[in-house]
């Protein structure tokens, strides 16, 4: 698994242009990892319970799960999250970077079921 994290700025709007600070995450899964994700049906598993991206209009009826980062989002290709400040963007990138070893361990941990049995006595 190879992870690439890019930072950029983007201005949105015609009259009142707002500047956003973007963090784009691109994960290149190995073929073995893709196979594990497929076989164990891990696509809908949550990588990060994140808040909505800054450029989105959020309605009070929107469930928070709508904005979470899922394994399926990373499989599709680059995922971009926008922040209102440079600090928010840096914190988000750090959080994602720190989660990637956990994600790798989660995928590898789902490789196969233990074939041996245990008997414990206390």
PDB file of N, CA and C in Angstrom:
ATOM      1  N   UNK A   1       0.857  -1.164   0.000  1.00  0.00           N
ATOM      2  CA  UNK A   1       0.000   0.000   0.000  1.00  0.00           C
ATOM      3  C   UNK A   1       0.906   1.231   0.000  1.00  0.00           C
ATOM      4  N   UNK A   2       0.672   2.098  -0.955  1.00  0.00           N
ATOM      5  CA  UNK A   2       1.416   3.353  -1.058  1.00  0.00           C
ATOM      6  C   UNK A   2       0.422   4.502  -0.920  1.00  0.00           C
ATOM      7  N   UNK A   3       0.771   5.470  -0.077  1.00  0.00           N
ATOM      8  CA  UNK A   3      -0.115   6.604   0.183  1.00  0.00           C
ATOM      9  C   UNK A   3       0.568   7.896  -0.239  1.00  0.00           C
ATOM     10  N   UNK A   4      -0.171   8.715  -0.966  1.00  0.00           N
ATOM     11  CA  UNK A   4       0.329  10.033  -1.383  1.00  0.00           C
ATOM     12  C   UNK A   4      -0.627  11.089  -0.837  1.00  0.00           C
ATOM     13  N   UNK A   5      -0.070  12.087  -0.142  1.00  0.00           N
ATOM     14  CA  UNK A   5      -0.882  13.174   0.422  1.00  0.00           C
ATOM     15  C   UNK A   5      -0.393  14.481  -0.173  1.00  0.00           C
ATOM     16  N   UNK A   6      -1.281  15.188  -0.857  1.00  0.00           N
ATOM     17  CA  UNK A   6      -0.956  16.466  -1.495  1.00  0.00           C
ATOM     18  C   UNK A   6      -1.743  17.595  -0.850  1.00  0.00           C
ATOM     19  N   UNK A   7      -1.105  18.760  -0.765  1.00  0.00           N
ATOM     20  CA  UNK A   7      -1.756  19.973  -0.272  1.00  0.00           C
ATOM     21  C   UNK A   7      -1.857  20.965  -1.420  1.00  0.00           C
ATOM     22  N   UNK A   8      -2.983  21.672  -1.494  1.00  0.00           N
ATOM     23  CA  UNK A   8      -3.162  22.698  -2.522  1.00  0.00           C
ATOM     24  C   UNK A   8      -4.170  23.736  -2.037  1.00  0.00           C
ATOM     25  N   UNK A   9      -4.296  24.806  -2.805  1.00  0.00           N
ATOM     26  CA  UNK A   9      -5.283  25.849  -2.527  1.00  0.00           C
ATOM     27  C   UNK A   9      -6.238  25.915  -3.704  1.00  0.00           C
ATOM     28  N   UNK A  10      -7.493  26.254  -3.391  1.00  0.00           N
ATOM     29  CA  UNK A  10      -8.493  26.356  -4.448  1.00  0.00           C
ATOM     30  C   UNK A  10      -9.438  27.501  -4.121  1.00  0.00           C
ATOM     31  N   UNK A  11      -9.731  28.312  -5.125  1.00  0.00           N
ATOM     32  CA  UNK A  11     -10.700  29.399  -4.949  1.00  0.00           C
ATOM     33  C   UNK A  11     -11.997  28.997  -5.633  1.00  0.00           C
ATOM     34  N   UNK A  12     -13.103  29.193  -4.906  1.00  0.00           N
ATOM     35  CA  UNK A  12     -14.418  28.816  -5.418  1.00  0.00           C
ATOM     36  C   UNK A  12     -15.349  30.012  -5.311  1.00  0.00           C
ATOM     37  N   UNK A  13     -16.169  30.205  -6.338  1.00  0.00           N
ATOM     38  CA  UNK A  13     -17.156  31.279  -6.329  1.00  0.00           C
ATOM     39  C   UNK A  13     -16.897  32.265  -7.443  1.00  0.00           C
ATOM     40  N   UNK A  14     -17.962  32.915  -7.904  1.00  0.00           N
ATOM     41  CA  UNK A  14     -17.839  33.882  -8.982  1.00  0.00           C
ATOM     42  C   UNK A  14     -17.616  35.296  -8.450  1.00  0.00           C
ATOM     43  N   UNK A  15     -18.522  35.755  -7.618  1.00  0.00           N
ATOM     44  CA  UNK A  15     -18.412  37.115  -7.104  1.00  0.00           C
ATOM     45  C   UNK A  15     -17.553  37.182  -5.846  1.00  0.00           C
ATOM     46  N   UNK A  16     -17.912  36.374  -4.898  1.00  0.00           N
ATOM     47  CA  UNK A  16     -17.173  36.369  -3.639  1.00  0.00           C
ATOM     48  C   UNK A  16     -16.344  35.093  -3.569  1.00  0.00           C
ATOM     49  N   UNK A  17     -15.177  35.147  -4.133  1.00  0.00           N
ATOM     50  CA  UNK A  17     -14.338  33.955  -4.209  1.00  0.00           C
ATOM     51  C   UNK A  17     -13.764  33.618  -2.839  1.00  0.00           C
ATOM     52  N   UNK A  18     -14.002  32.383  -2.441  1.00  0.00           N
ATOM     53  CA  UNK A  18     -13.478  31.905  -1.162  1.00  0.00           C
ATOM     54  C   UNK A  18     -12.301  30.977  -1.406  1.00  0.00           C
ATOM     55  N   UNK A  19     -11.316  31.075  -0.560  1.00  0.00           N
ATOM     56  CA  UNK A  19     -10.135  30.220  -0.670  1.00  0.00           C
ATOM     57  C   UNK A  19     -10.274  29.045   0.289  1.00  0.00           C
ATOM     58  N   UNK A  20     -10.017  27.861  -0.226  1.00  0.00           N
ATOM     59  CA  UNK A  20     -10.025  26.643   0.570  1.00  0.00           C
ATOM     60  C   UNK A  20      -8.657  25.994   0.482  1.00  0.00           C
ATOM     61  N   UNK A  21      -8.321  25.245   1.509  1.00  0.00           N
ATOM     62  CA  UNK A  21      -7.045  24.544   1.582  1.00  0.00           C
ATOM     63  C   UNK A  21      -7.335  23.057   1.463  1.00  0.00           C
ATOM     64  N   UNK A  22      -6.873  22.472   0.390  1.00  0.00           N
ATOM     65  CA  UNK A  22      -7.234  21.103   0.027  1.00  0.00           C
ATOM     66  C   UNK A  22      -6.172  20.098   0.445  1.00  0.00           C
ATOM     67  N   UNK A  23      -6.650  18.938   0.870  1.00  0.00           N
ATOM     68  CA  UNK A  23      -5.785  17.797   1.150  1.00  0.00           C
ATOM     69  C   UNK A  23      -6.310  16.658   0.290  1.00  0.00           C
ATOM     70  N   UNK A  24      -5.459  16.183  -0.613  1.00  0.00           N
ATOM     71  CA  UNK A  24      -5.848  15.086  -1.493  1.00  0.00           C
ATOM     72  C   UNK A  24      -5.064  13.840  -1.105  1.00  0.00           C
ATOM     73  N   UNK A  25      -5.801  12.768  -0.873  1.00  0.00           N
ATOM     74  CA  UNK A  25      -5.209  11.495  -0.474  1.00  0.00           C
ATOM     75  C   UNK A  25      -5.387  10.507  -1.613  1.00  0.00           C
ATOM     76  N   UNK A  26      -4.300   9.878  -1.981  1.00  0.00           N
ATOM     77  CA  UNK A  26      -4.357   8.840  -3.009  1.00  0.00           C
ATOM     78  C   UNK A  26      -3.668   7.600  -2.462  1.00  0.00           C
ATOM     79  N   UNK A  27      -4.418   6.504  -2.408  1.00  0.00           N
ATOM     80  CA  UNK A  27      -3.884   5.250  -1.888  1.00  0.00           C
ATOM     81  C   UNK A  27      -3.806   4.254  -3.029  1.00  0.00           C
ATOM     82  N   UNK A  28      -2.616   3.711  -3.205  1.00  0.00           N
ATOM     83  CA  UNK A  28      -2.391   2.691  -4.225  1.00  0.00           C
ATOM     84  C   UNK A  28      -2.316   1.349  -3.510  1.00  0.00           C
ATOM     85  N   UNK A  29      -3.431   0.615  -3.530  1.00  0.00           N
ATOM     86  CA  UNK A  29      -3.483  -0.693  -2.881  1.00  0.00           C
ATOM     87  C   UNK A  29      -2.822  -1.734  -3.767  1.00  0.00           C
ATOM     88  N   UNK A  30      -2.135  -2.692  -3.151  1.00  0.00           N
ATOM     89  CA  UNK A  30      -1.564  -3.800  -3.912  1.00  0.00           C
ATOM     90  C   UNK A  30      -2.715  -4.701  -4.376  1.00  0.00           C
ATOM     91  N   UNK A  31      -2.438  -5.558  -5.318  1.00  0.00           N
ATOM     92  CA  UNK A  31      -3.476  -6.464  -5.812  1.00  0.00           C
ATOM     93  C   UNK A  31      -3.942  -7.394  -4.694  1.00  0.00           C
ATOM     94  N   UNK A  32      -3.015  -7.814  -3.840  1.00  0.00           N
ATOM     95  CA  UNK A  32      -3.368  -8.672  -2.709  1.00  0.00           C
ATOM     96  C   UNK A  32      -4.313  -7.943  -1.748  1.00  0.00           C
ATOM     97  N   UNK A  33      -4.034  -6.671  -1.467  1.00  0.00           N
ATOM     98  CA  UNK A  33      -4.898  -5.885  -0.580  1.00  0.00           C
ATOM     99  C   UNK A  33      -6.279  -5.696  -1.193  1.00  0.00           C
ATOM    100  N   UNK A  34      -6.325  -5.429  -2.498  1.00  0.00           N
ATOM    101  CA  UNK A  34      -7.615  -5.283  -3.178  1.00  0.00           C
ATOM    102  C   UNK A  34      -8.430  -6.575  -3.083  1.00  0.00           C
ATOM    103  N   UNK A  35      -7.749  -7.704  -3.216  1.00  0.00           N
ATOM    104  CA  UNK A  35      -8.420  -8.995  -3.144  1.00  0.00           C
ATOM    105  C   UNK A  35      -8.982  -9.236  -1.736  1.00  0.00           C
ATOM    106  N   UNK A  36      -8.216  -8.911  -0.714  1.00  0.00           N
ATOM    107  CA  UNK A  36      -8.685  -9.067   0.663  1.00  0.00           C
ATOM    108  C   UNK A  36      -9.910  -8.176   0.905  1.00  0.00           C
ATOM    109  N   UNK A  37      -9.837  -6.930   0.438  1.00  0.00           N
ATOM    110  CA  UNK A  37     -10.962  -5.999   0.599  1.00  0.00           C
ATOM    111  C   UNK A  37     -12.211  -6.549  -0.082  1.00  0.00           C
ATOM    112  N   UNK A  38     -12.041  -7.107  -1.278  1.00  0.00           N
ATOM    113  CA  UNK A  38     -13.169  -7.683  -2.018  1.00  0.00           C
ATOM    114  C   UNK A  38     -13.736  -8.908  -1.293  1.00  0.00           C
ATOM    115  N   UNK A  39     -12.841  -9.859  -0.964  1.00  0.00           N
ATOM    116  CA  UNK A  39     -13.286 -11.125  -0.370  1.00  0.00           C
ATOM    117  C   UNK A  39     -13.917 -10.943   1.006  1.00  0.00           C
ATOM    118  N   UNK A  40     -13.381 -10.045   1.796  1.00  0.00           N
ATOM    119  CA  UNK A  40     -13.885  -9.837   3.161  1.00  0.00           C
ATOM    120  C   UNK A  40     -14.920  -8.720   3.247  1.00  0.00           C
ATOM    121  N   UNK A  41     -15.245  -8.153   2.096  1.00  0.00           N
ATOM    122  CA  UNK A  41     -16.269  -7.101   2.007  1.00  0.00           C
ATOM    123  C   UNK A  41     -15.977  -5.939   2.960  1.00  0.00           C
ATOM    124  N   UNK A  42     -14.806  -5.348   2.780  1.00  0.00           N
ATOM    125  CA  UNK A  42     -14.358  -4.262   3.653  1.00  0.00           C
ATOM    126  C   UNK A  42     -14.610  -2.874   3.066  1.00  0.00           C
ATOM    127  N   UNK A  43     -15.196  -2.796   1.885  1.00  0.00           N
ATOM    128  CA  UNK A  43     -15.358  -1.505   1.205  1.00  0.00           C
ATOM    129  C   UNK A  43     -16.126  -0.480   2.028  1.00  0.00           C
ATOM    130  N   UNK A  44     -17.111  -0.899   2.773  1.00  0.00           N
ATOM    131  CA  UNK A  44     -17.952   0.037   3.530  1.00  0.00           C
ATOM    132  C   UNK A  44     -17.394   0.328   4.923  1.00  0.00           C
ATOM    133  N   UNK A  45     -16.226  -0.200   5.226  1.00  0.00           N
ATOM    134  CA  UNK A  45     -15.631   0.033   6.538  1.00  0.00           C
ATOM    135  C   UNK A  45     -15.059   1.448   6.613  1.00  0.00           C
ATOM    136  N   UNK A  46     -15.175   2.039   7.784  1.00  0.00           N
ATOM    137  CA  UNK A  46     -14.797   3.437   7.997  1.00  0.00           C
ATOM    138  C   UNK A  46     -13.300   3.561   8.294  1.00  0.00           C
ATOM    139  N   UNK A  47     -12.648   4.446   7.554  1.00  0.00           N
ATOM    140  CA  UNK A  47     -11.246   4.763   7.800  1.00  0.00           C
ATOM    141  C   UNK A  47     -11.160   5.925   8.784  1.00  0.00           C
ATOM    142  N   UNK A  48     -12.013   6.937   8.576  1.00  0.00           N
ATOM    143  CA  UNK A  48     -11.975   8.142   9.405  1.00  0.00           C
ATOM    144  C   UNK A  48     -13.362   8.764   9.498  1.00  0.00           C
ATOM    145  N   UNK A  49     -13.798   9.036  10.714  1.00  0.00           N
ATOM    146  CA  UNK A  49     -15.068   9.743  10.931  1.00  0.00           C
ATOM    147  C   UNK A  49     -14.767  11.238  10.876  1.00  0.00           C
ATOM    148  N   UNK A  50     -14.764  11.766   9.670  1.00  0.00           N
ATOM    149  CA  UNK A  50     -14.385  13.170   9.485  1.00  0.00           C
ATOM    150  C   UNK A  50     -15.611  14.071   9.386  1.00  0.00           C
ATOM    151  N   UNK A  51     -15.370  15.356   9.619  1.00  0.00           N
ATOM    152  CA  UNK A  51     -16.442  16.343   9.485  1.00  0.00           C
ATOM    153  C   UNK A  51     -16.593  16.692   8.003  1.00  0.00           C
ATOM    154  N   UNK A  52     -17.666  17.363   7.635  1.00  0.00           N
ATOM    155  CA  UNK A  52     -17.867  17.709   6.225  1.00  0.00           C
ATOM    156  C   UNK A  52     -16.753  18.599   5.680  1.00  0.00           C
ATOM    157  N   UNK A  53     -16.478  18.423   4.417  1.00  0.00           N
ATOM    158  CA  UNK A  53     -15.518  19.277   3.728  1.00  0.00           C
ATOM    159  C   UNK A  53     -16.056  20.708   3.718  1.00  0.00           C
ATOM    160  N   UNK A  54     -15.184  21.694   3.809  1.00  0.00           N
ATOM    161  CA  UNK A  54     -15.582  23.101   3.995  1.00  0.00           C
ATOM    162  C   UNK A  54     -16.443  23.664   2.869  1.00  0.00           C
ATOM    163  N   UNK A  55     -16.293  23.163   1.645  1.00  0.00           N
ATOM    164  CA  UNK A  55     -17.030  23.749   0.529  1.00  0.00           C
ATOM    165  C   UNK A  55     -18.447  23.199   0.390  1.00  0.00           C
ATOM    166  N   UNK A  56     -18.794  22.191   1.159  1.00  0.00           N
ATOM    167  CA  UNK A  56     -20.099  21.552   1.032  1.00  0.00           C
ATOM    168  C   UNK A  56     -21.183  22.294   1.799  1.00  0.00           C
ATOM    169  N   UNK A  57     -22.357  22.304   1.217  1.00  0.00           N
ATOM    170  CA  UNK A  57     -23.532  22.814   1.924  1.00  0.00           C
ATOM    171  C   UNK A  57     -24.051  21.655   2.768  1.00  0.00           C
ATOM    172  N   UNK A  58     -24.129  21.859   4.063  1.00  0.00           N
ATOM    173  CA  UNK A  58     -24.558  20.800   4.969  1.00  0.00           C
ATOM    174  C   UNK A  58     -25.936  21.154   5.503  1.00  0.00           C
ATOM    175  N   UNK A  59     -26.827  20.179   5.423  1.00  0.00           N
ATOM    176  CA  UNK A  59     -28.191  20.368   5.895  1.00  0.00           C
ATOM    177  C   UNK A  59     -28.366  19.643   7.224  1.00  0.00           C
ATOM    178  N   UNK A  60     -29.263  20.131   8.046  1.00  0.00           N
ATOM    179  CA  UNK A  60     -29.417  19.553   9.374  1.00  0.00           C
ATOM    180  C   UNK A  60     -29.866  18.100   9.341  1.00  0.00           C
ATOM    181  N   UNK A  61     -30.485  17.669   8.247  1.00  0.00           N
ATOM    182  CA  UNK A  61     -30.925  16.280   8.129  1.00  0.00           C
ATOM    183  C   UNK A  61     -29.834  15.349   7.627  1.00  0.00           C
ATOM    184  N   UNK A  62     -28.699  15.903   7.209  1.00  0.00           N
ATOM    185  CA  UNK A  62     -27.608  15.072   6.712  1.00  0.00           C
ATOM    186  C   UNK A  62     -27.005  14.256   7.856  1.00  0.00           C
ATOM    187  N   UNK A  63     -26.953  12.936   7.700  1.00  0.00           N
ATOM    188  CA  UNK A  63     -26.315  12.135   8.749  1.00  0.00           C
ATOM    189  C   UNK A  63     -24.794  12.339   8.707  1.00  0.00           C
ATOM    190  N   UNK A  64     -24.127  12.295   9.842  1.00  0.00           N
ATOM    191  CA  UNK A  64     -22.676  12.501   9.851  1.00  0.00           C
ATOM    192  C   UNK A  64     -21.929  11.447   9.036  1.00  0.00           C
ATOM    193  N   UNK A  65     -22.506  10.246   8.919  1.00  0.00           N
ATOM    194  CA  UNK A  65     -21.859   9.167   8.160  1.00  0.00           C
ATOM    195  C   UNK A  65     -21.659   9.526   6.692  1.00  0.00           C
ATOM    196  N   UNK A  66     -22.452  10.457   6.201  1.00  0.00           N
ATOM    197  CA  UNK A  66     -22.374  10.870   4.797  1.00  0.00           C
ATOM    198  C   UNK A  66     -20.991  11.432   4.453  1.00  0.00           C
ATOM    199  N   UNK A  67     -20.286  11.955   5.436  1.00  0.00           N
ATOM    200  CA  UNK A  67     -19.016  12.631   5.194  1.00  0.00           C
ATOM    201  C   UNK A  67     -17.806  11.802   5.602  1.00  0.00           C
ATOM    202  N   UNK A  68     -18.029  10.623   6.161  1.00  0.00           N
ATOM    203  CA  UNK A  68     -16.925   9.799   6.629  1.00  0.00           C
ATOM    204  C   UNK A  68     -16.098   9.283   5.457  1.00  0.00           C
ATOM    205  N   UNK A  69     -14.838   9.023   5.717  1.00  0.00           N
ATOM    206  CA  UNK A  69     -13.933   8.458   4.720  1.00  0.00           C
ATOM    207  C   UNK A  69     -13.984   6.939   4.833  1.00  0.00           C
ATOM    208  N   UNK A  70     -14.387   6.282   3.753  1.00  0.00           N
ATOM    209  CA  UNK A  70     -14.516   4.829   3.722  1.00  0.00           C
ATOM    210  C   UNK A  70     -13.414   4.224   2.860  1.00  0.00           C
ATOM    211  N   UNK A  71     -13.187   2.933   3.029  1.00  0.00           N
ATOM    212  CA  UNK A  71     -12.215   2.233   2.188  1.00  0.00           C
ATOM    213  C   UNK A  71     -12.627   2.352   0.727  1.00  0.00           C
ATOM    214  N   UNK A  72     -13.921   2.301   0.439  1.00  0.00           N
ATOM    215  CA  UNK A  72     -14.390   2.417  -0.949  1.00  0.00           C
ATOM    216  C   UNK A  72     -14.002   3.756  -1.567  1.00  0.00           C
ATOM    217  N   UNK A  73     -13.983   4.829  -0.763  1.00  0.00           N
ATOM    218  CA  UNK A  73     -13.561   6.138  -1.270  1.00  0.00           C
ATOM    219  C   UNK A  73     -12.109   6.099  -1.727  1.00  0.00           C
ATOM    220  N   UNK A  74     -11.280   5.394  -0.981  1.00  0.00           N
ATOM    221  CA  UNK A  74      -9.860   5.306  -1.321  1.00  0.00           C
ATOM    222  C   UNK A  74      -9.627   4.391  -2.518  1.00  0.00           C
ATOM    223  N   UNK A  75     -10.493   3.405  -2.696  1.00  0.00           N
ATOM    224  CA  UNK A  75     -10.371   2.509  -3.853  1.00  0.00           C
ATOM    225  C   UNK A  75     -10.718   3.219  -5.165  1.00  0.00           C
ATOM    226  N   UNK A  76     -11.614   4.190  -5.092  1.00  0.00           N
ATOM    227  CA  UNK A  76     -12.068   4.905  -6.298  1.00  0.00           C
ATOM    228  C   UNK A  76     -10.978   5.773  -6.907  1.00  0.00           C
ATOM    229  N   UNK A  77     -10.042   6.205  -6.103  1.00  0.00           N
ATOM    230  CA  UNK A  77      -9.008   7.122  -6.594  1.00  0.00           C
ATOM    231  C   UNK A  77      -8.791   8.236  -5.599  1.00  0.00           C
ATOM    232  N   UNK A  78      -8.194   9.328  -6.034  1.00  0.00           N
ATOM    233  CA  UNK A  78      -7.889  10.426  -5.103  1.00  0.00           C
ATOM    234  C   UNK A  78      -9.142  10.955  -4.412  1.00  0.00           C
ATOM    235  N   UNK A  79      -9.009  11.216  -3.116  1.00  0.00           N
ATOM    236  CA  UNK A  79     -10.096  11.780  -2.318  1.00  0.00           C
ATOM    237  C   UNK A  79      -9.625  13.130  -1.799  1.00  0.00           C
ATOM    238  N   UNK A  80     -10.398  14.187  -2.093  1.00  0.00           N
ATOM    239  CA  UNK A  80     -10.018  15.541  -1.681  1.00  0.00           C
ATOM    240  C   UNK A  80     -10.960  16.051  -0.605  1.00  0.00           C
ATOM    241  N   UNK A  81     -10.378  16.586   0.457  1.00  0.00           N
ATOM    242  CA  UNK A  81     -11.113  17.201   1.555  1.00  0.00           C
ATOM    243  C   UNK A  81     -10.634  18.640   1.655  1.00  0.00           C
ATOM    244  N   UNK A  82     -11.570  19.578   1.791  1.00  0.00           N
ATOM    245  CA  UNK A  82     -11.218  20.995   1.825  1.00  0.00           C
ATOM    246  C   UNK A  82     -11.434  21.572   3.222  1.00  0.00           C
ATOM    247  N   UNK A  83     -10.494  22.432   3.629  1.00  0.00           N
ATOM    248  CA  UNK A  83     -10.553  23.075   4.940  1.00  0.00           C
ATOM    249  C   UNK A  83     -10.627  24.583   4.769  1.00  0.00           C
ATOM    250  N   UNK A  84     -11.091  25.256   5.816  1.00  0.00           N
ATOM    251  CA  UNK A  84     -11.150  26.722   5.806  1.00  0.00           C
ATOM    252  C   UNK A  84      -9.822  27.364   6.176  1.00  0.00           C
ATOM    253  N   UNK A  85      -8.944  26.600   6.827  1.00  0.00           N
ATOM    254  CA  UNK A  85      -7.665  27.170   7.248  1.00  0.00           C
ATOM    255  C   UNK A  85      -6.530  26.199   6.959  1.00  0.00           C
ATOM    256  N   UNK A  86      -5.339  26.755   6.878  1.00  0.00           N
ATOM    257  CA  UNK A  86      -4.145  25.937   6.651  1.00  0.00           C
ATOM    258  C   UNK A  86      -3.962  24.957   7.814  1.00  0.00           C
ATOM    259  N   UNK A  87      -4.206  25.428   9.025  1.00  0.00           N
ATOM    260  CA  UNK A  87      -4.046  24.580  10.205  1.00  0.00           C
ATOM    261  C   UNK A  87      -4.982  23.377  10.157  1.00  0.00           C
ATOM    262  N   UNK A  88      -6.242  23.603   9.802  1.00  0.00           N
ATOM    263  CA  UNK A  88      -7.197  22.488   9.687  1.00  0.00           C
ATOM    264  C   UNK A  88      -6.732  21.474   8.646  1.00  0.00           C
ATOM    265  N   UNK A  89      -6.210  21.967   7.535  1.00  0.00           N
ATOM    266  CA  UNK A  89      -5.728  21.079   6.475  1.00  0.00           C
ATOM    267  C   UNK A  89      -4.537  20.247   6.962  1.00  0.00           C
ATOM    268  N   UNK A  90      -3.623  20.889   7.673  1.00  0.00           N
ATOM    269  CA  UNK A  90      -2.452  20.170   8.196  1.00  0.00           C
ATOM    270  C   UNK A  90      -2.867  19.123   9.227  1.00  0.00           C
ATOM    271  N   UNK A  91      -3.801  19.478  10.093  1.00  0.00           N
ATOM    272  CA  UNK A  91      -4.262  18.534  11.112  1.00  0.00           C
ATOM    273  C   UNK A  91      -4.956  17.337  10.474  1.00  0.00           C
ATOM    274  N   UNK A  92      -5.752  17.589   9.454  1.00  0.00           N
ATOM    275  CA  UNK A  92      -6.431  16.497   8.743  1.00  0.00           C
ATOM    276  C   UNK A  92      -5.397  15.583   8.079  1.00  0.00           C
ATOM    277  N   UNK A  93      -4.420  16.163   7.412  1.00  0.00           N
ATOM    278  CA  UNK A  93      -3.385  15.366   6.743  1.00  0.00           C
ATOM    279  C   UNK A  93      -2.608  14.527   7.760  1.00  0.00           C
ATOM    280  N   UNK A  94      -2.284  15.107   8.908  1.00  0.00           N
ATOM    281  CA  UNK A  94      -1.583  14.363   9.959  1.00  0.00           C
ATOM    282  C   UNK A  94      -2.426  13.210  10.476  1.00  0.00           C
ATOM    283  N   UNK A  95      -3.707  13.464  10.660  1.00  0.00           N
ATOM    284  CA  UNK A  95      -4.612  12.422  11.157  1.00  0.00           C
ATOM    285  C   UNK A  95      -4.691  11.256  10.173  1.00  0.00           C
ATOM    286  N   UNK A  96      -4.812  11.581   8.892  1.00  0.00           N
ATOM    287  CA  UNK A  96      -4.869  10.538   7.862  1.00  0.00           C
ATOM    288  C   UNK A  96      -3.551   9.764   7.826  1.00  0.00           C
ATOM    289  N   UNK A  97      -2.447  10.486   7.856  1.00  0.00           N
ATOM    290  CA  UNK A  97      -1.130   9.835   7.813  1.00  0.00           C
ATOM    291  C   UNK A  97      -0.961   8.873   8.990  1.00  0.00           C
ATOM    292  N   UNK A  98      -1.401   9.278  10.165  1.00  0.00           N
ATOM    293  CA  UNK A  98      -1.280   8.420  11.348  1.00  0.00           C
ATOM    294  C   UNK A  98      -2.208   7.209  11.300  1.00  0.00           C
ATOM    295  N   UNK A  99      -3.294   7.297  10.532  1.00  0.00           N
ATOM    296  CA  UNK A  99      -4.243   6.189  10.428  1.00  0.00           C
ATOM    297  C   UNK A  99      -3.831   5.128   9.401  1.00  0.00           C
ATOM    298  N   UNK A 100      -2.965   5.473   8.475  1.00  0.00           N
ATOM    299  CA  UNK A 100      -2.627   4.548   7.395  1.00  0.00           C
ATOM    300  C   UNK A 100      -1.976   3.245   7.871  1.00  0.00           C
ATOM    301  N   UNK A 101      -1.054   3.267   8.843  1.00  0.00           N
ATOM    302  CA  UNK A 101      -0.536   1.976   9.335  1.00  0.00           C
ATOM    303  C   UNK A 101      -1.629   1.112   9.967  1.00  0.00           C
ATOM    304  N   UNK A 102      -2.585   1.748  10.633  1.00  0.00           N
ATOM    305  CA  UNK A 102      -3.708   1.023  11.227  1.00  0.00           C
ATOM    306  C   UNK A 102      -4.563   0.396  10.131  1.00  0.00           C
ATOM    307  N   UNK A 103      -4.811   1.140   9.055  1.00  0.00           N
ATOM    308  CA  UNK A 103      -5.579   0.608   7.935  1.00  0.00           C
ATOM    309  C   UNK A 103      -4.877  -0.592   7.316  1.00  0.00           C
ATOM    310  N   UNK A 104      -3.574  -0.472   7.119  1.00  0.00           N
ATOM    311  CA  UNK A 104      -2.787  -1.582   6.561  1.00  0.00           C
ATOM    312  C   UNK A 104      -2.917  -2.811   7.470  1.00  0.00           C
ATOM    313  N   UNK A 105      -2.758  -2.624   8.780  1.00  0.00           N
ATOM    314  CA  UNK A 105      -2.880  -3.729   9.725  1.00  0.00           C
ATOM    315  C   UNK A 105      -4.277  -4.337   9.722  1.00  0.00           C
ATOM    316  N   UNK A 106      -5.291  -3.490   9.556  1.00  0.00           N
ATOM    317  CA  UNK A 106      -6.673  -3.965   9.508  1.00  0.00           C
ATOM    318  C   UNK A 106      -6.906  -4.857   8.290  1.00  0.00           C
ATOM    319  N   UNK A 107      -6.395  -4.424   7.149  1.00  0.00           N
ATOM    320  CA  UNK A 107      -6.554  -5.213   5.924  1.00  0.00           C
ATOM    321  C   UNK A 107      -5.802  -6.535   6.048  1.00  0.00           C
ATOM    322  N   UNK A 108      -4.551  -6.483   6.479  1.00  0.00           N
ATOM    323  CA  UNK A 108      -3.742  -7.697   6.634  1.00  0.00           C
ATOM    324  C   UNK A 108      -4.364  -8.625   7.683  1.00  0.00           C
ATOM    325  N   UNK A 109      -4.891  -8.046   8.751  1.00  0.00           N
ATOM    326  CA  UNK A 109      -5.524  -8.844   9.793  1.00  0.00           C
ATOM    327  C   UNK A 109      -6.753  -9.595   9.323  1.00  0.00           C
ATOM    328  N   UNK A 110      -7.350  -9.143   8.235  1.00  0.00           N
ATOM    329  CA  UNK A 110      -8.524  -9.807   7.664  1.00  0.00           C
ATOM    330  C   UNK A 110      -8.165 -10.828   6.595  1.00  0.00           C
ATOM    331  N   UNK A 111      -6.889 -11.142   6.466  1.00  0.00           N
ATOM    332  CA  UNK A 111      -6.436 -12.056   5.416  1.00  0.00           C
ATOM    333  C   UNK A 111      -7.117 -13.409   5.515  1.00  0.00           C
ATOM    334  N   UNK A 112      -6.979 -14.065   6.657  1.00  0.00           N
ATOM    335  CA  UNK A 112      -7.609 -15.376   6.809  1.00  0.00           C
ATOM    336  C   UNK A 112      -7.914 -15.639   8.270  1.00  0.00           C
ATOM    337  N   UNK A 113      -8.831 -16.558   8.476  1.00  0.00           N
ATOM    338  CA  UNK A 113      -9.245 -16.916   9.825  1.00  0.00           C
ATOM    339  C   UNK A 113      -8.219 -17.877  10.424  1.00  0.00           C
ATOM    340  N   UNK A 114      -8.067 -17.817  11.717  1.00  0.00           N
ATOM    341  CA  UNK A 114      -7.156 -18.739  12.397  1.00  0.00           C
ATOM    342  C   UNK A 114      -7.651 -20.175  12.206  1.00  0.00           C
ATOM    343  N   UNK A 115      -6.749 -21.070  11.825  1.00  0.00           N
ATOM    344  CA  UNK A 115      -7.118 -22.466  11.584  1.00  0.00           C
ATOM    345  C   UNK A 115      -6.915 -23.348  12.816  1.00  0.00           C
ATOM    346  N   UNK A 116      -6.252 -22.827  13.804  1.00  0.00           N
ATOM    347  CA  UNK A 116      -6.012 -23.652  14.987  1.00  0.00           C
ATOM    348  C   UNK A 116      -7.019 -23.304  16.078  1.00  0.00           C
ATOM    349  N   UNK A 117      -7.270 -24.274  16.923  1.00  0.00           N
ATOM    350  CA  UNK A 117      -8.189 -24.028  18.032  1.00  0.00           C
ATOM    351  C   UNK A 117      -7.380 -23.910  19.318  1.00  0.00           C
ATOM    352  N   UNK A 118      -7.979 -23.260  20.296  1.00  0.00           N
ATOM    353  CA  UNK A 118      -7.316 -23.063  21.585  1.00  0.00           C
ATOM    354  C   UNK A 118      -8.185 -23.624  22.688  1.00  0.00           C
ATOM    355  N   UNK A 119      -7.532 -24.180  23.655  1.00  0.00           N
ATOM    356  CA  UNK A 119      -8.219 -24.587  24.868  1.00  0.00           C
ATOM    357  C   UNK A 119      -7.551 -23.846  26.002  1.00  0.00           C
ATOM    358  N   UNK A 120      -8.341 -23.106  26.743  1.00  0.00           N
ATOM    359  CA  UNK A 120      -7.802 -22.324  27.847  1.00  0.00           C
ATOM    360  C   UNK A 120      -8.364 -22.827  29.155  1.00  0.00           C
ATOM    361  N   UNK A 121      -7.523 -22.836  30.188  1.00  0.00           N
ATOM    362  CA  UNK A 121      -7.973 -23.254  31.501  1.00  0.00           C
ATOM    363  C   UNK A 121      -7.537 -22.203  32.502  1.00  0.00           C
ATOM    364  N   UNK A 122      -8.452 -21.764  33.305  1.00  0.00           N
ATOM    365  CA  UNK A 122      -8.160 -20.752  34.309  1.00  0.00           C
ATOM    366  C   UNK A 122      -8.393 -21.275  35.704  1.00  0.00           C
TER     367      UNK A 122
END
